[in-house]
């Protein structure tokens, strides 16, 4: 039996779309022909499109001995609305973590001495040791990337590698 929410979606979008089926009807009105493709084909097409990609995967590095300041990352191809982060410190340090930022809410899980400590004021945070650390929060979502406001506390050293997924 079809889910009532899916049936309601079918009713809202019209008779040409059956939201309960495994196939989505695609109609090209320029040639008045139609072709049915699976949801997976349509979804993967949206993700793989270079002009309409829904997300961008990339990485950046940060020398954590540098002073606090704003650093921009560009080349994403769109203005992100949400970013997921994973990072680690070269040469050891205190592990890696996952974080996120939507421009309003930021959070991450820095790792120190065998424990994770939720940080709701930063989207990126790394301990060099218990007293020396470096963290960042998305300061702005820009037309072709994002800017992180980095903060250095005491004298951390090392190179932080940050992998990100930026979403439209």
Protein backbone atom coordinates (compact mmCIF):
# COMPACT_ATOMS: atom_id res chain seq x y z
CA UNK A 1 0.00 0.00 0.00
CA UNK A 2 1.35 3.45 -0.91
CA UNK A 3 2.40 5.83 1.81
CA UNK A 4 -0.23 8.55 2.31
CA UNK A 5 2.43 11.27 2.17
CA UNK A 6 3.62 10.01 -1.22
CA UNK A 7 0.05 9.87 -2.47
CA UNK A 8 -0.47 13.46 -1.33
CA UNK A 9 2.70 14.46 -3.21
CA UNK A 10 1.33 12.79 -6.36
CA UNK A 11 -1.90 14.75 -5.98
CA UNK A 12 0.00 18.03 -5.52
CA UNK A 13 2.32 17.57 -8.49
CA UNK A 14 -0.30 16.41 -10.98
CA UNK A 15 -1.19 13.29 -12.87
CA UNK A 16 2.06 13.14 -14.86
CA UNK A 17 4.16 12.31 -11.80
CA UNK A 18 3.68 9.13 -9.80
CA UNK A 19 5.67 9.63 -6.61
CA UNK A 20 4.95 6.06 -5.47
CA UNK A 21 6.63 4.41 -8.48
CA UNK A 22 10.25 3.48 -9.03
CA UNK A 23 10.24 5.46 -12.28
CA UNK A 24 9.99 9.22 -12.74
CA UNK A 25 8.34 10.45 -15.90
CA UNK A 26 10.48 13.05 -17.69
CA UNK A 27 8.75 15.00 -20.46
CA UNK A 28 10.68 17.09 -22.98
CA UNK A 29 8.11 19.59 -24.25
CA UNK A 30 10.42 20.87 -26.98
CA UNK A 31 10.00 17.66 -28.95
CA UNK A 32 6.82 16.41 -27.24
CA UNK A 33 8.31 13.04 -26.38
CA UNK A 34 8.70 11.46 -23.00
CA UNK A 35 11.14 9.04 -21.49
CA UNK A 36 10.89 7.22 -18.20
CA UNK A 37 14.05 6.99 -16.12
CA UNK A 38 14.60 5.52 -12.68
CA UNK A 39 14.96 7.75 -9.66
CA UNK A 40 18.60 6.64 -9.33
CA UNK A 41 19.34 7.79 -12.89
CA UNK A 42 17.78 11.20 -12.24
CA UNK A 43 19.45 11.59 -8.82
CA UNK A 44 22.89 10.56 -10.03
CA UNK A 45 22.48 12.88 -13.02
CA UNK A 46 21.87 15.83 -10.67
CA UNK A 47 24.90 14.94 -8.55
CA UNK A 48 27.23 14.37 -11.48
CA UNK A 49 26.26 17.48 -13.43
CA UNK A 50 29.13 19.93 -13.57
CA UNK A 51 26.80 22.90 -14.02
CA UNK A 52 24.20 21.85 -11.46
CA UNK A 53 26.15 19.78 -8.92
CA UNK A 54 24.41 19.60 -5.56
CA UNK A 55 27.68 19.39 -3.61
CA UNK A 56 31.45 19.78 -3.95
CA UNK A 57 34.11 17.75 -2.18
CA UNK A 58 37.47 19.35 -1.51
CA UNK A 59 40.24 19.90 1.00
CA UNK A 60 42.33 22.68 2.48
CA UNK A 61 45.32 22.91 4.78
CA UNK A 62 46.06 25.30 7.61
CA UNK A 63 49.39 25.88 9.37
CA UNK A 64 48.09 26.12 12.94
CA UNK A 65 51.13 28.08 14.11
CA UNK A 66 49.84 31.07 12.10
CA UNK A 67 48.04 33.95 13.75
CA UNK A 68 44.26 34.18 13.97
CA UNK A 69 42.52 35.53 10.87
CA UNK A 70 40.04 34.98 8.05
CA UNK A 71 40.97 32.65 5.17
CA UNK A 72 38.81 32.12 2.08
CA UNK A 73 38.40 28.89 0.12
CA UNK A 74 37.26 29.37 -3.50
CA UNK A 75 36.65 27.27 -6.58
CA UNK A 76 33.56 25.47 -5.35
CA UNK A 77 31.43 26.84 -8.18
CA UNK A 78 28.45 27.94 -6.09
CA UNK A 79 27.51 29.61 -2.81
CA UNK A 80 27.22 26.82 -0.21
CA UNK A 81 24.38 26.60 2.31
CA UNK A 82 25.86 23.83 4.47
CA UNK A 83 29.33 22.30 4.90
CA UNK A 84 30.50 19.07 6.55
CA UNK A 85 34.11 18.93 7.77
CA UNK A 86 36.53 16.13 8.73
CA UNK A 87 40.10 16.91 9.71
CA UNK A 88 43.34 15.69 11.19
CA UNK A 89 46.70 17.09 12.26
CA UNK A 90 49.84 15.90 10.46
CA UNK A 91 52.53 14.40 12.62
CA UNK A 92 50.20 13.20 15.36
CA UNK A 93 48.21 15.54 17.49
CA UNK A 94 44.95 14.49 18.99
CA UNK A 95 43.03 12.72 16.27
CA UNK A 96 40.43 13.87 13.84
CA UNK A 97 36.86 14.98 14.16
CA UNK A 98 33.70 15.73 12.26
CA UNK A 99 32.05 19.14 12.19
CA UNK A 100 29.45 21.12 10.31
CA UNK A 101 28.27 24.67 9.69
CA UNK A 102 25.17 26.13 8.05
CA UNK A 103 26.14 29.77 8.52
CA UNK A 104 24.09 30.03 11.72
CA UNK A 105 24.81 26.86 13.68
CA UNK A 106 28.27 25.33 13.94
CA UNK A 107 29.38 22.27 15.86
CA UNK A 108 32.23 19.78 15.94
CA UNK A 109 33.75 17.01 18.05
CA UNK A 110 37.43 17.67 18.84
CA UNK A 111 39.36 14.75 20.30
CA UNK A 112 41.74 15.06 23.29
CA UNK A 113 43.29 12.38 25.51
CA UNK A 114 40.89 9.62 24.51
CA UNK A 115 37.67 11.66 24.65
CA UNK A 116 35.55 13.76 22.35
CA UNK A 117 34.41 17.19 23.53
CA UNK A 118 31.45 18.79 21.72
CA UNK A 119 32.25 22.35 20.61
CA UNK A 120 29.20 24.36 19.55
CA UNK A 121 31.18 27.53 18.82
CA UNK A 122 33.35 26.10 16.02
CA UNK A 123 32.99 24.07 12.85
CA UNK A 124 36.69 23.05 12.82
CA UNK A 125 38.76 22.45 15.99
CA UNK A 126 42.07 20.66 16.61
CA UNK A 127 44.13 20.22 19.76
CA UNK A 128 47.90 20.15 19.28
CA UNK A 129 47.94 19.24 23.00
CA UNK A 130 45.78 20.03 26.03
CA UNK A 131 46.82 23.71 26.15
CA UNK A 132 47.54 24.59 22.51
CA UNK A 133 44.81 24.47 19.90
CA UNK A 134 43.40 26.06 16.79
CA UNK A 135 39.78 26.35 15.70
CA UNK A 136 37.66 27.93 13.01
CA UNK A 137 34.08 28.83 12.25
CA UNK A 138 32.56 29.62 8.88
CA UNK A 139 32.47 33.42 8.77
CA UNK A 140 30.65 33.66 5.43
CA UNK A 141 29.32 31.66 2.53
CA UNK A 142 30.67 33.35 -0.59
CA UNK A 143 29.55 33.16 -4.24
CA UNK A 144 32.33 30.65 -5.08
CA UNK A 145 33.24 29.20 -1.67
CA UNK A 146 33.43 30.09 1.98
CA UNK A 147 35.54 31.98 4.52
CA UNK A 148 36.66 30.54 7.85
CA UNK A 149 37.55 32.79 10.80
CA UNK A 150 40.52 30.96 12.42
CA UNK A 151 41.52 31.41 16.07
CA UNK A 152 44.91 30.40 17.50
CA UNK A 153 45.18 29.69 21.25
CA UNK A 154 48.70 29.80 22.76
CA UNK A 155 51.34 28.12 20.53
CA UNK A 156 50.06 25.11 18.55
CA UNK A 157 52.20 23.73 15.71
CA UNK A 158 51.54 21.43 12.80
CA UNK A 159 49.57 21.35 9.58
CA UNK A 160 45.85 20.78 9.78
CA UNK A 161 44.25 19.04 6.79
CA UNK A 162 40.53 19.65 6.42
CA UNK A 163 38.33 17.70 4.02
CA UNK A 164 34.94 19.23 3.29
CA UNK A 165 31.65 18.57 1.54
CA UNK A 166 29.94 21.84 0.59
CA UNK A 167 26.25 21.62 -0.32
CA UNK A 168 24.07 24.00 -2.35
